[in-house]
Amino acid sequence: MDMITKEQYEFALAKVEELLPLVGDDTPANDKKALELSLMSDIVIAYEKLHYPVEKPTVSELIELSLEEKGITQRELANNIGVSPSRVNDYISGRSEPTLKIARLLCMVLNISPSAMLRV
């Protein structure tokens, strides 16, 4: 796809918002509105990937989000991975990076993918 202008993006975004309520799961894929929605969505996605890339979460953000998701306290996590609660706090605040051994345990305990932990 060639370079999409801001105007084309805004047009496509408005079309997507207009078409979304009109196209449901039961709409045939070859329906005019469904096809138009698909094309406009592709334009919006391509533009946003280029102009609004999503940053990968940091290790500290991953740990914090996972604790929240699982309802685990920093103290419970510390007990599960064999470090002090203040060390877990250092990881979350970004004052310290976990060692490879601890990162592996964090992945297992918090169910974080190793690639996310390594930010790849």
PDB file of N, CA and C in Angstrom:
ATOM      1  N   MET A   1       0.842  -1.176   0.000  1.00  0.00           N
ATOM      2  CA  MET A   1       0.000   0.000   0.000  1.00  0.00           C
ATOM      3  C   MET A   1       0.888   1.241   0.000  1.00  0.00           C
ATOM      4  N   ASP A   2       0.592   2.207  -0.861  1.00  0.00           N
ATOM      5  CA  ASP A   2       1.358   3.440  -0.898  1.00  0.00           C
ATOM      6  C   ASP A   2       1.126   4.218   0.390  1.00  0.00           C
ATOM      7  N   MET A   3       1.843   5.318   0.513  1.00  0.00           N
ATOM      8  CA  MET A   3       1.718   6.165   1.687  1.00  0.00           C
ATOM      9  C   MET A   3       0.277   6.664   1.830  1.00  0.00           C
ATOM     10  N   ILE A   4      -0.287   6.463   2.981  1.00  0.00           N
ATOM     11  CA  ILE A   4      -1.661   6.895   3.248  1.00  0.00           C
ATOM     12  C   ILE A   4      -1.593   8.282   3.882  1.00  0.00           C
ATOM     13  N   THR A   5      -2.358   9.211   3.341  1.00  0.00           N
ATOM     14  CA  THR A   5      -2.356  10.571   3.889  1.00  0.00           C
ATOM     15  C   THR A   5      -3.221  10.624   5.143  1.00  0.00           C
ATOM     16  N   LYS A   6      -3.021  11.678   5.923  1.00  0.00           N
ATOM     17  CA  LYS A   6      -3.814  11.873   7.136  1.00  0.00           C
ATOM     18  C   LYS A   6      -5.302  12.006   6.763  1.00  0.00           C
ATOM     19  N   GLU A   7      -5.583  12.674   5.651  1.00  0.00           N
ATOM     20  CA  GLU A   7      -6.966  12.855   5.199  1.00  0.00           C
ATOM     21  C   GLU A   7      -7.598  11.508   4.849  1.00  0.00           C
ATOM     22  N   GLN A   8      -6.844  10.662   4.130  1.00  0.00           N
ATOM     23  CA  GLN A   8      -7.364   9.332   3.772  1.00  0.00           C
ATOM     24  C   GLN A   8      -7.614   8.509   5.040  1.00  0.00           C
ATOM     25  N   TYR A   9      -6.684   8.616   5.985  1.00  0.00           N
ATOM     26  CA  TYR A   9      -6.829   7.906   7.260  1.00  0.00           C
ATOM     27  C   TYR A   9      -8.097   8.363   7.984  1.00  0.00           C
ATOM     28  N   GLU A  10      -8.278   9.674   8.085  1.00  0.00           N
ATOM     29  CA  GLU A  10      -9.449  10.211   8.790  1.00  0.00           C
ATOM     30  C   GLU A  10     -10.746   9.811   8.095  1.00  0.00           C
ATOM     31  N   PHE A  11     -10.746   9.808   6.752  1.00  0.00           N
ATOM     32  CA  PHE A  11     -11.914   9.365   5.993  1.00  0.00           C
ATOM     33  C   PHE A  11     -12.211   7.897   6.302  1.00  0.00           C
ATOM     34  N   ALA A  12     -11.160   7.068   6.239  1.00  0.00           N
ATOM     35  CA  ALA A  12     -11.312   5.628   6.488  1.00  0.00           C
ATOM     36  C   ALA A  12     -11.798   5.379   7.913  1.00  0.00           C
ATOM     37  N   LEU A  13     -11.246   6.114   8.875  1.00  0.00           N
ATOM     38  CA  LEU A  13     -11.645   5.960  10.275  1.00  0.00           C
ATOM     39  C   LEU A  13     -13.129   6.306  10.450  1.00  0.00           C
ATOM     40  N   ALA A  14     -13.572   7.393   9.830  1.00  0.00           N
ATOM     41  CA  ALA A  14     -14.984   7.787   9.913  1.00  0.00           C
ATOM     42  C   ALA A  14     -15.873   6.720   9.273  1.00  0.00           C
ATOM     43  N   LYS A  15     -15.424   6.139   8.144  1.00  0.00           N
ATOM     44  CA  LYS A  15     -16.183   5.081   7.465  1.00  0.00           C
ATOM     45  C   LYS A  15     -16.287   3.841   8.351  1.00  0.00           C
ATOM     46  N   VAL A  16     -15.185   3.487   8.995  1.00  0.00           N
ATOM     47  CA  VAL A  16     -15.188   2.320   9.889  1.00  0.00           C
ATOM     48  C   VAL A  16     -16.217   2.531  10.996  1.00  0.00           C
ATOM     49  N   GLU A  17     -16.208   3.715  11.602  1.00  0.00           N
ATOM     50  CA  GLU A  17     -17.150   4.004  12.689  1.00  0.00           C
ATOM     51  C   GLU A  17     -18.601   3.972  12.193  1.00  0.00           C
ATOM     52  N   GLU A  18     -18.799   4.403  10.959  1.00  0.00           N
ATOM     53  CA  GLU A  18     -20.137   4.410  10.362  1.00  0.00           C
ATOM     54  C   GLU A  18     -20.600   2.978  10.037  1.00  0.00           C
ATOM     55  N   LEU A  19     -19.675   2.152   9.553  1.00  0.00           N
ATOM     56  CA  LEU A  19     -20.032   0.804   9.095  1.00  0.00           C
ATOM     57  C   LEU A  19     -20.087  -0.249  10.206  1.00  0.00           C
ATOM     58  N   LEU A  20     -19.307  -0.057  11.263  1.00  0.00           N
ATOM     59  CA  LEU A  20     -19.248  -1.067  12.337  1.00  0.00           C
ATOM     60  C   LEU A  20     -20.617  -1.500  12.854  1.00  0.00           C
ATOM     61  N   PRO A  21     -21.526  -0.552  13.159  1.00  0.00           N
ATOM     62  CA  PRO A  21     -22.834  -0.987  13.670  1.00  0.00           C
ATOM     63  C   PRO A  21     -23.699  -1.688  12.607  1.00  0.00           C
ATOM     64  N   LEU A  22     -23.348  -1.516  11.325  1.00  0.00           N
ATOM     65  CA  LEU A  22     -24.167  -2.073  10.247  1.00  0.00           C
ATOM     66  C   LEU A  22     -23.722  -3.465   9.805  1.00  0.00           C
ATOM     67  N   VAL A  23     -22.509  -3.858  10.207  1.00  0.00           N
ATOM     68  CA  VAL A  23     -21.966  -5.155   9.791  1.00  0.00           C
ATOM     69  C   VAL A  23     -21.813  -6.035  11.028  1.00  0.00           C
ATOM     70  N   GLY A  24     -22.526  -7.148  11.018  1.00  0.00           N
ATOM     71  CA  GLY A  24     -22.464  -8.059  12.161  1.00  0.00           C
ATOM     72  C   GLY A  24     -21.826  -9.377  11.779  1.00  0.00           C
ATOM     73  N   ASP A  25     -21.747 -10.285  12.731  1.00  0.00           N
ATOM     74  CA  ASP A  25     -21.169 -11.612  12.484  1.00  0.00           C
ATOM     75  C   ASP A  25     -21.960 -12.383  11.436  1.00  0.00           C
ATOM     76  N   ASP A  26     -23.240 -12.061  11.317  1.00  0.00           N
ATOM     77  CA  ASP A  26     -24.094 -12.772  10.364  1.00  0.00           C
ATOM     78  C   ASP A  26     -24.095 -12.140   8.962  1.00  0.00           C
ATOM     79  N   THR A  27     -23.357 -11.029   8.804  1.00  0.00           N
ATOM     80  CA  THR A  27     -23.272 -10.377   7.493  1.00  0.00           C
ATOM     81  C   THR A  27     -22.364 -11.197   6.588  1.00  0.00           C
ATOM     82  N   PRO A  28     -22.802 -11.542   5.376  1.00  0.00           N
ATOM     83  CA  PRO A  28     -21.939 -12.307   4.461  1.00  0.00           C
ATOM     84  C   PRO A  28     -20.649 -11.534   4.141  1.00  0.00           C
ATOM     85  N   ALA A  29     -19.544 -12.249   3.992  1.00  0.00           N
ATOM     86  CA  ALA A  29     -18.245 -11.623   3.730  1.00  0.00           C
ATOM     87  C   ALA A  29     -18.234 -10.846   2.415  1.00  0.00           C
ATOM     88  N   ASN A  30     -19.080 -11.259   1.448  1.00  0.00           N
ATOM     89  CA  ASN A  30     -19.100 -10.572   0.152  1.00  0.00           C
ATOM     90  C   ASN A  30     -20.119  -9.429   0.099  1.00  0.00           C
ATOM     91  N   ASP A  31     -20.744  -9.121   1.235  1.00  0.00           N
ATOM     92  CA  ASP A  31     -21.682  -8.000   1.326  1.00  0.00           C
ATOM     93  C   ASP A  31     -20.913  -6.694   1.091  1.00  0.00           C
ATOM     94  N   LYS A  32     -21.517  -5.756   0.363  1.00  0.00           N
ATOM     95  CA  LYS A  32     -20.858  -4.486   0.016  1.00  0.00           C
ATOM     96  C   LYS A  32     -20.338  -3.757   1.266  1.00  0.00           C
ATOM     97  N   LYS A  33     -21.171  -3.684   2.294  1.00  0.00           N
ATOM     98  CA  LYS A  33     -20.765  -2.989   3.523  1.00  0.00           C
ATOM     99  C   LYS A  33     -19.626  -3.723   4.229  1.00  0.00           C
ATOM    100  N   ALA A  34     -19.671  -5.064   4.234  1.00  0.00           N
ATOM    101  CA  ALA A  34     -18.620  -5.856   4.870  1.00  0.00           C
ATOM    102  C   ALA A  34     -17.287  -5.672   4.136  1.00  0.00           C
ATOM    103  N   LEU A  35     -17.349  -5.656   2.803  1.00  0.00           N
ATOM    104  CA  LEU A  35     -16.136  -5.451   2.004  1.00  0.00           C
ATOM    105  C   LEU A  35     -15.551  -4.061   2.257  1.00  0.00           C
ATOM    106  N   GLU A  36     -16.423  -3.069   2.270  1.00  0.00           N
ATOM    107  CA  GLU A  36     -15.965  -1.702   2.505  1.00  0.00           C
ATOM    108  C   GLU A  36     -15.366  -1.568   3.908  1.00  0.00           C
ATOM    109  N   LEU A  37     -16.000  -2.183   4.893  1.00  0.00           N
ATOM    110  CA  LEU A  37     -15.480  -2.149   6.259  1.00  0.00           C
ATOM    111  C   LEU A  37     -14.085  -2.779   6.311  1.00  0.00           C
ATOM    112  N   SER A  38     -13.923  -3.905   5.636  1.00  0.00           N
ATOM    113  CA  SER A  38     -12.633  -4.590   5.616  1.00  0.00           C
ATOM    114  C   SER A  38     -11.546  -3.706   4.994  1.00  0.00           C
ATOM    115  N   LEU A  39     -11.850  -3.088   3.855  1.00  0.00           N
ATOM    116  CA  LEU A  39     -10.880  -2.215   3.175  1.00  0.00           C
ATOM    117  C   LEU A  39     -10.528  -0.993   4.023  1.00  0.00           C
ATOM    118  N   MET A  40     -11.551  -0.354   4.578  1.00  0.00           N
ATOM    119  CA  MET A  40     -11.319   0.839   5.404  1.00  0.00           C
ATOM    120  C   MET A  40     -10.517   0.475   6.661  1.00  0.00           C
ATOM    121  N   SER A  41     -10.801  -0.689   7.240  1.00  0.00           N
ATOM    122  CA  SER A  41     -10.055  -1.149   8.423  1.00  0.00           C
ATOM    123  C   SER A  41      -8.589  -1.352   8.077  1.00  0.00           C
ATOM    124  N   ASP A  42      -8.318  -1.939   6.907  1.00  0.00           N
ATOM    125  CA  ASP A  42      -6.933  -2.158   6.465  1.00  0.00           C
ATOM    126  C   ASP A  42      -6.179  -0.826   6.356  1.00  0.00           C
ATOM    127  N   ILE A  43      -6.851   0.197   5.831  1.00  0.00           N
ATOM    128  CA  ILE A  43      -6.227   1.518   5.693  1.00  0.00           C
ATOM    129  C   ILE A  43      -5.918   2.096   7.080  1.00  0.00           C
ATOM    130  N   VAL A  44      -6.891   2.007   7.988  1.00  0.00           N
ATOM    131  CA  VAL A  44      -6.713   2.532   9.347  1.00  0.00           C
ATOM    132  C   VAL A  44      -5.551   1.807  10.039  1.00  0.00           C
ATOM    133  N   ILE A  45      -5.523   0.482   9.937  1.00  0.00           N
ATOM    134  CA  ILE A  45      -4.473  -0.314  10.584  1.00  0.00           C
ATOM    135  C   ILE A  45      -3.102   0.037  10.021  1.00  0.00           C
ATOM    136  N   ALA A  46      -2.995   0.132   8.688  1.00  0.00           N
ATOM    137  CA  ALA A  46      -1.709   0.442   8.051  1.00  0.00           C
ATOM    138  C   ALA A  46      -1.201   1.815   8.498  1.00  0.00           C
ATOM    139  N   TYR A  47      -2.089   2.801   8.533  1.00  0.00           N
ATOM    140  CA  TYR A  47      -1.709   4.155   8.928  1.00  0.00           C
ATOM    141  C   TYR A  47      -1.263   4.174  10.397  1.00  0.00           C
ATOM    142  N   GLU A  48      -2.045   3.511  11.257  1.00  0.00           N
ATOM    143  CA  GLU A  48      -1.733   3.530  12.692  1.00  0.00           C
ATOM    144  C   GLU A  48      -0.444   2.783  13.008  1.00  0.00           C
ATOM    145  N   LYS A  49      -0.174   1.703  12.292  1.00  0.00           N
ATOM    146  CA  LYS A  49       1.085   0.967  12.507  1.00  0.00           C
ATOM    147  C   LYS A  49       2.274   1.861  12.221  1.00  0.00           C
ATOM    148  N   LEU A  50       2.146   2.679  11.181  1.00  0.00           N
ATOM    149  CA  LEU A  50       3.226   3.564  10.772  1.00  0.00           C
ATOM    150  C   LEU A  50       3.354   4.772  11.696  1.00  0.00           C
ATOM    151  N   HIS A  51       2.234   5.378  12.051  1.00  0.00           N
ATOM    152  CA  HIS A  51       2.256   6.640  12.791  1.00  0.00           C
ATOM    153  C   HIS A  51       2.069   6.511  14.302  1.00  0.00           C
ATOM    154  N   TYR A  52       1.512   5.402  14.763  1.00  0.00           N
ATOM    155  CA  TYR A  52       1.291   5.208  16.200  1.00  0.00           C
ATOM    156  C   TYR A  52       1.762   3.824  16.617  1.00  0.00           C
ATOM    157  N   PRO A  53       3.055   3.542  16.448  1.00  0.00           N
ATOM    158  CA  PRO A  53       3.518   2.197  16.824  1.00  0.00           C
ATOM    159  C   PRO A  53       3.336   1.958  18.323  1.00  0.00           C
ATOM    160  N   VAL A  54       2.983   0.733  18.663  1.00  0.00           N
ATOM    161  CA  VAL A  54       2.752   0.378  20.062  1.00  0.00           C
ATOM    162  C   VAL A  54       4.088  -0.013  20.680  1.00  0.00           C
ATOM    163  N   GLU A  55       4.412   0.642  21.766  1.00  0.00           N
ATOM    164  CA  GLU A  55       5.646   0.316  22.486  1.00  0.00           C
ATOM    165  C   GLU A  55       5.448  -0.987  23.252  1.00  0.00           C
ATOM    166  N   LYS A  56       6.488  -1.803  23.259  1.00  0.00           N
ATOM    167  CA  LYS A  56       6.420  -3.031  24.047  1.00  0.00           C
ATOM    168  C   LYS A  56       6.518  -2.648  25.524  1.00  0.00           C
ATOM    169  N   PRO A  57       5.752  -3.333  26.397  1.00  0.00           N
ATOM    170  CA  PRO A  57       5.828  -2.986  27.822  1.00  0.00           C
ATOM    171  C   PRO A  57       7.205  -3.315  28.394  1.00  0.00           C
ATOM    172  N   THR A  58       7.626  -2.521  29.366  1.00  0.00           N
ATOM    173  CA  THR A  58       8.895  -2.776  30.037  1.00  0.00           C
ATOM    174  C   THR A  58       8.724  -3.970  30.972  1.00  0.00           C
ATOM    175  N   VAL A  59       9.834  -4.494  31.463  1.00  0.00           N
ATOM    176  CA  VAL A  59       9.795  -5.611  32.412  1.00  0.00           C
ATOM    177  C   VAL A  59       8.992  -5.199  33.644  1.00  0.00           C
ATOM    178  N   SER A  60       9.222  -3.975  34.130  1.00  0.00           N
ATOM    179  CA  SER A  60       8.507  -3.532  35.329  1.00  0.00           C
ATOM    180  C   SER A  60       6.994  -3.446  35.063  1.00  0.00           C
ATOM    181  N   GLU A  61       6.606  -2.948  33.878  1.00  0.00           N
ATOM    182  CA  GLU A  61       5.180  -2.887  33.537  1.00  0.00           C
ATOM    183  C   GLU A  61       4.575  -4.282  33.421  1.00  0.00           C
ATOM    184  N   LEU A  62       5.325  -5.218  32.832  1.00  0.00           N
ATOM    185  CA  LEU A  62       4.842  -6.598  32.709  1.00  0.00           C
ATOM    186  C   LEU A  62       4.563  -7.206  34.077  1.00  0.00           C
ATOM    187  N   ILE A  63       5.495  -7.019  34.987  1.00  0.00           N
ATOM    188  CA  ILE A  63       5.344  -7.586  36.329  1.00  0.00           C
ATOM    189  C   ILE A  63       4.143  -6.946  37.024  1.00  0.00           C
ATOM    190  N   GLU A  64       4.077  -5.623  36.960  1.00  0.00           N
ATOM    191  CA  GLU A  64       2.985  -4.903  37.628  1.00  0.00           C
ATOM    192  C   GLU A  64       1.623  -5.321  37.068  1.00  0.00           C
ATOM    193  N   LEU A  65       1.507  -5.382  35.740  1.00  0.00           N
ATOM    194  CA  LEU A  65       0.241  -5.776  35.120  1.00  0.00           C
ATOM    195  C   LEU A  65      -0.136  -7.206  35.482  1.00  0.00           C
ATOM    196  N   SER A  66       0.851  -8.096  35.489  1.00  0.00           N
ATOM    197  CA  SER A  66       0.586  -9.497  35.804  1.00  0.00           C
ATOM    198  C   SER A  66       0.146  -9.677  37.252  1.00  0.00           C
ATOM    199  N   LEU A  67       0.759  -8.932  38.160  1.00  0.00           N
ATOM    200  CA  LEU A  67       0.353  -8.995  39.570  1.00  0.00           C
ATOM    201  C   LEU A  67      -1.104  -8.570  39.708  1.00  0.00           C
ATOM    202  N   GLU A  68      -1.441  -7.467  39.044  1.00  0.00           N
ATOM    203  CA  GLU A  68      -2.804  -6.946  39.084  1.00  0.00           C
ATOM    204  C   GLU A  68      -3.795  -7.961  38.523  1.00  0.00           C
ATOM    205  N   GLU A  69      -3.445  -8.514  37.345  1.00  0.00           N
ATOM    206  CA  GLU A  69      -4.297  -9.486  36.670  1.00  0.00           C
ATOM    207  C   GLU A  69      -4.567 -10.707  37.539  1.00  0.00           C
ATOM    208  N   LYS A  70      -3.537 -11.185  38.214  1.00  0.00           N
ATOM    209  CA  LYS A  70      -3.642 -12.413  38.993  1.00  0.00           C
ATOM    210  C   LYS A  70      -4.073 -12.163  40.436  1.00  0.00           C
ATOM    211  N   GLY A  71      -4.119 -10.895  40.837  1.00  0.00           N
ATOM    212  CA  GLY A  71      -4.501 -10.577  42.209  1.00  0.00           C
ATOM    213  C   GLY A  71      -3.463 -11.057  43.213  1.00  0.00           C
ATOM    214  N   ILE A  72      -2.196 -11.006  42.824  1.00  0.00           N
ATOM    215  CA  ILE A  72      -1.100 -11.437  43.708  1.00  0.00           C
ATOM    216  C   ILE A  72      -0.410 -10.195  44.261  1.00  0.00           C
ATOM    217  N   THR A  73      -0.056 -10.223  45.531  1.00  0.00           N
ATOM    218  CA  THR A  73       0.666  -9.095  46.120  1.00  0.00           C
ATOM    219  C   THR A  73       2.157  -9.228  45.814  1.00  0.00           C
ATOM    220  N   GLN A  74       2.873  -8.132  45.997  1.00  0.00           N
ATOM    221  CA  GLN A  74       4.329  -8.163  45.799  1.00  0.00           C
ATOM    222  C   GLN A  74       4.969  -9.151  46.782  1.00  0.00           C
ATOM    223  N   ARG A  75       4.428  -9.197  47.983  1.00  0.00           N
ATOM    224  CA  ARG A  75       4.959 -10.105  49.005  1.00  0.00           C
ATOM    225  C   ARG A  75       4.768 -11.569  48.583  1.00  0.00           C
ATOM    226  N   GLU A  76       3.570 -11.884  48.076  1.00  0.00           N
ATOM    227  CA  GLU A  76       3.309 -13.267  47.613  1.00  0.00           C
ATOM    228  C   GLU A  76       4.238 -13.635  46.456  1.00  0.00           C
ATOM    229  N   LEU A  77       4.431 -12.689  45.535  1.00  0.00           N
ATOM    230  CA  LEU A  77       5.332 -12.952  44.422  1.00  0.00           C
ATOM    231  C   LEU A  77       6.751 -13.190  44.931  1.00  0.00           C
ATOM    232  N   ALA A  78       7.178 -12.350  45.859  1.00  0.00           N
ATOM    233  CA  ALA A  78       8.520 -12.486  46.433  1.00  0.00           C
ATOM    234  C   ALA A  78       8.704 -13.888  47.021  1.00  0.00           C
ATOM    235  N   ASN A  79       7.704 -14.364  47.786  1.00  0.00           N
ATOM    236  CA  ASN A  79       7.778 -15.713  48.365  1.00  0.00           C
ATOM    237  C   ASN A  79       7.854 -16.784  47.278  1.00  0.00           C
ATOM    238  N   ASN A  80       7.077 -16.607  46.192  1.00  0.00           N
ATOM    239  CA  ASN A  80       7.044 -17.598  45.113  1.00  0.00           C
ATOM    240  C   ASN A  80       8.348 -17.692  44.320  1.00  0.00           C
ATOM    241  N   ILE A  81       9.072 -16.581  44.229  1.00  0.00           N
ATOM    242  CA  ILE A  81      10.307 -16.619  43.435  1.00  0.00           C
ATOM    243  C   ILE A  81      11.569 -16.573  44.287  1.00  0.00           C
ATOM    244  N   GLY A  82      11.407 -16.530  45.606  1.00  0.00           N
ATOM    245  CA  GLY A  82      12.551 -16.624  46.514  1.00  0.00           C
ATOM    246  C   GLY A  82      13.407 -15.373  46.615  1.00  0.00           C
ATOM    247  N   VAL A  83      12.757 -14.200  46.554  1.00  0.00           N
ATOM    248  CA  VAL A  83      13.485 -12.943  46.768  1.00  0.00           C
ATOM    249  C   VAL A  83      12.726 -12.124  47.805  1.00  0.00           C
ATOM    250  N   SER A  84      13.330 -11.040  48.263  1.00  0.00           N
ATOM    251  CA  SER A  84      12.650 -10.194  49.255  1.00  0.00           C
ATOM    252  C   SER A  84      11.592  -9.324  48.582  1.00  0.00           C
ATOM    253  N   PRO A  85      10.568  -8.946  49.359  1.00  0.00           N
ATOM    254  CA  PRO A  85       9.547  -8.049  48.809  1.00  0.00           C
ATOM    255  C   PRO A  85      10.145  -6.734  48.286  1.00  0.00           C
ATOM    256  N   SER A  86      11.204  -6.253  48.949  1.00  0.00           N
ATOM    257  CA  SER A  86      11.823  -5.001  48.482  1.00  0.00           C
ATOM    258  C   SER A  86      12.501  -5.209  47.123  1.00  0.00           C
ATOM    259  N   ARG A  87      12.998  -6.416  46.860  1.00  0.00           N
ATOM    260  CA  ARG A  87      13.610  -6.723  45.561  1.00  0.00           C
ATOM    261  C   ARG A  87      12.530  -6.710  44.475  1.00  0.00           C
ATOM    262  N   VAL A  88      11.352  -7.282  44.765  1.00  0.00           N
ATOM    263  CA  VAL A  88      10.238  -7.246  43.803  1.00  0.00           C
ATOM    264  C   VAL A  88       9.866  -5.789  43.532  1.00  0.00           C
ATOM    265  N   ASN A  89       9.833  -4.978  44.589  1.00  0.00           N
ATOM    266  CA  ASN A  89       9.524  -3.562  44.428  1.00  0.00           C
ATOM    267  C   ASN A  89      10.576  -2.879  43.543  1.00  0.00           C
ATOM    268  N   ASP A  90      11.830  -3.278  43.672  1.00  0.00           N
ATOM    269  CA  ASP A  90      12.890  -2.729  42.812  1.00  0.00           C
ATOM    270  C   ASP A  90      12.638  -3.071  41.345  1.00  0.00           C
ATOM    271  N   TYR A  91      12.165  -4.300  41.084  1.00  0.00           N
ATOM    272  CA  TYR A  91      11.851  -4.693  39.697  1.00  0.00           C
ATOM    273  C   TYR A  91      10.709  -3.849  39.143  1.00  0.00           C
ATOM    274  N   ILE A  92       9.680  -3.645  39.959  1.00  0.00           N
ATOM    275  CA  ILE A  92       8.492  -2.906  39.517  1.00  0.00           C
ATOM    276  C   ILE A  92       8.800  -1.425  39.316  1.00  0.00           C
ATOM    277  N   SER A  93       9.635  -0.875  40.180  1.00  0.00           N
ATOM    278  CA  SER A  93       9.967   0.551  40.067  1.00  0.00           C
ATOM    279  C   SER A  93      11.005   0.797  38.963  1.00  0.00           C
ATOM    280  N   GLY A  94      11.637  -0.285  38.486  1.00  0.00           N
ATOM    281  CA  GLY A  94      12.660  -0.141  37.452  1.00  0.00           C
ATOM    282  C   GLY A  94      14.044   0.151  38.013  1.00  0.00           C
ATOM    283  N   ARG A  95      14.174   0.114  39.353  1.00  0.00           N
ATOM    284  CA  ARG A  95      15.489   0.354  39.966  1.00  0.00           C
ATOM    285  C   ARG A  95      16.440  -0.804  39.719  1.00  0.00           C
ATOM    286  N   SER A  96      15.867  -1.976  39.427  1.00  0.00           N
ATOM    287  CA  SER A  96      16.685  -3.171  39.253  1.00  0.00           C
ATOM    288  C   SER A  96      16.054  -4.077  38.206  1.00  0.00           C
ATOM    289  N   GLU A  97      16.889  -4.769  37.430  1.00  0.00           N
ATOM    290  CA  GLU A  97      16.409  -5.744  36.445  1.00  0.00           C
ATOM    291  C   GLU A  97      16.590  -7.140  37.041  1.00  0.00           C
ATOM    292  N   PRO A  98      15.625  -8.034  36.831  1.00  0.00           N
ATOM    293  CA  PRO A  98      15.788  -9.384  37.359  1.00  0.00           C
ATOM    294  C   PRO A  98      16.914 -10.136  36.638  1.00  0.00           C
ATOM    295  N   THR A  99      17.559 -11.027  37.370  1.00  0.00           N
ATOM    296  CA  THR A  99      18.566 -11.893  36.749  1.00  0.00           C
ATOM    297  C   THR A  99      17.833 -12.851  35.812  1.00  0.00           C
ATOM    298  N   LEU A 100      18.584 -13.561  34.996  1.00  0.00           N
ATOM    299  CA  LEU A 100      17.970 -14.517  34.074  1.00  0.00           C
ATOM    300  C   LEU A 100      17.193 -15.587  34.832  1.00  0.00           C
ATOM    301  N   LYS A 101      17.770 -16.057  35.934  1.00  0.00           N
ATOM    302  CA  LYS A 101      17.113 -17.091  36.753  1.00  0.00           C
ATOM    303  C   LYS A 101      15.780 -16.558  37.311  1.00  0.00           C
ATOM    304  N   ILE A 102      15.804 -15.340  37.834  1.00  0.00           N
ATOM    305  CA  ILE A 102      14.593 -14.737  38.400  1.00  0.00           C
ATOM    306  C   ILE A 102      13.593 -14.415  37.282  1.00  0.00           C
ATOM    307  N   ALA A 103      14.078 -13.961  36.140  1.00  0.00           N
ATOM    308  CA  ALA A 103      13.190 -13.668  35.010  1.00  0.00           C
ATOM    309  C   ALA A 103      12.449 -14.943  34.599  1.00  0.00           C
ATOM    310  N   ARG A 104      13.159 -16.073  34.589  1.00  0.00           N
ATOM    311  CA  ARG A 104      12.536 -17.359  34.250  1.00  0.00           C
ATOM    312  C   ARG A 104      11.433 -17.702  35.254  1.00  0.00           C
ATOM    313  N   LEU A 105      11.716 -17.496  36.536  1.00  0.00           N
ATOM    314  CA  LEU A 105      10.717 -17.759  37.578  1.00  0.00           C
ATOM    315  C   LEU A 105       9.519 -16.814  37.438  1.00  0.00           C
ATOM    316  N   LEU A 106       9.785 -15.544  37.125  1.00  0.00           N
ATOM    317  CA  LEU A 106       8.696 -14.577  36.926  1.00  0.00           C
ATOM    318  C   LEU A 106       7.794 -15.026  35.786  1.00  0.00           C
ATOM    319  N   CYS A 107       8.412 -15.501  34.708  1.00  0.00           N
ATOM    320  CA  CYS A 107       7.637 -15.987  33.562  1.00  0.00           C
ATOM    321  C   CYS A 107       6.735 -17.147  33.976  1.00  0.00           C
ATOM    322  N   MET A 108       7.288 -18.064  34.761  1.00  0.00           N
ATOM    323  CA  MET A 108       6.525 -19.243  35.182  1.00  0.00           C
ATOM    324  C   MET A 108       5.410 -18.859  36.157  1.00  0.00           C
ATOM    325  N   VAL A 109       5.736 -18.102  37.186  1.00  0.00           N
ATOM    326  CA  VAL A 109       4.782 -17.760  38.239  1.00  0.00           C
ATOM    327  C   VAL A 109       3.678 -16.826  37.725  1.00  0.00           C
ATOM    328  N   LEU A 110       4.070 -15.840  36.895  1.00  0.00           N
ATOM    329  CA  LEU A 110       3.102 -14.847  36.429  1.00  0.00           C
ATOM    330  C   LEU A 110       2.538 -15.166  35.046  1.00  0.00           C
ATOM    331  N   ASN A 111       3.002 -16.269  34.484  1.00  0.00           N
ATOM    332  CA  ASN A 111       2.548 -16.689  33.151  1.00  0.00           C
ATOM    333  C   ASN A 111       2.824 -15.607  32.100  1.00  0.00           C
ATOM    334  N   ILE A 112       4.052 -15.085  32.115  1.00  0.00           N
ATOM    335  CA  ILE A 112       4.503 -14.097  31.151  1.00  0.00           C
ATOM    336  C   ILE A 112       5.330 -14.832  30.107  1.00  0.00           C
ATOM    337  N   SER A 113       5.130 -14.537  28.835  1.00  0.00           N
ATOM    338  CA  SER A 113       5.923 -15.215  27.814  1.00  0.00           C
ATOM    339  C   SER A 113       7.367 -14.740  27.887  1.00  0.00           C
ATOM    340  N   PRO A 114       8.319 -15.671  27.715  1.00  0.00           N
ATOM    341  CA  PRO A 114       9.732 -15.276  27.748  1.00  0.00           C
ATOM    342  C   PRO A 114      10.060 -14.190  26.714  1.00  0.00           C
ATOM    343  N   SER A 115       9.424 -14.237  25.533  1.00  0.00           N
ATOM    344  CA  SER A 115       9.724 -13.212  24.522  1.00  0.00           C
ATOM    345  C   SER A 115       9.272 -11.832  25.000  1.00  0.00           C
ATOM    346  N   ALA A 116       8.149 -11.773  25.720  1.00  0.00           N
ATOM    347  CA  ALA A 116       7.698 -10.474  26.267  1.00  0.00           C
ATOM    348  C   ALA A 116       8.677  -9.997  27.328  1.00  0.00           C
ATOM    349  N   MET A 117       9.134 -10.915  28.153  1.00  0.00           N
ATOM    350  CA  MET A 117      10.089 -10.565  29.219  1.00  0.00           C
ATOM    351  C   MET A 117      11.393 -10.032  28.612  1.00  0.00           C
ATOM    352  N   LEU A 118      11.806 -10.637  27.477  1.00  0.00           N
ATOM    353  CA  LEU A 118      13.043 -10.206  26.821  1.00  0.00           C
ATOM    354  C   LEU A 118      12.816  -9.030  25.871  1.00  0.00           C
ATOM    355  N   ARG A 119      11.539  -8.611  25.727  1.00  0.00           N
ATOM    356  CA  ARG A 119      11.144  -7.482  24.869  1.00  0.00           C
ATOM    357  C   ARG A 119      11.527  -7.689  23.416  1.00  0.00           C
ATOM    358  N   VAL A 120      11.279  -8.913  22.915  1.00  0.00           N
ATOM    359  CA  VAL A 120      11.541  -9.189  21.479  1.00  0.00           C
ATOM    360  C   VAL A 120      10.235  -9.303  20.717  1.00  0.00           C
TER     361      VAL A 120
END
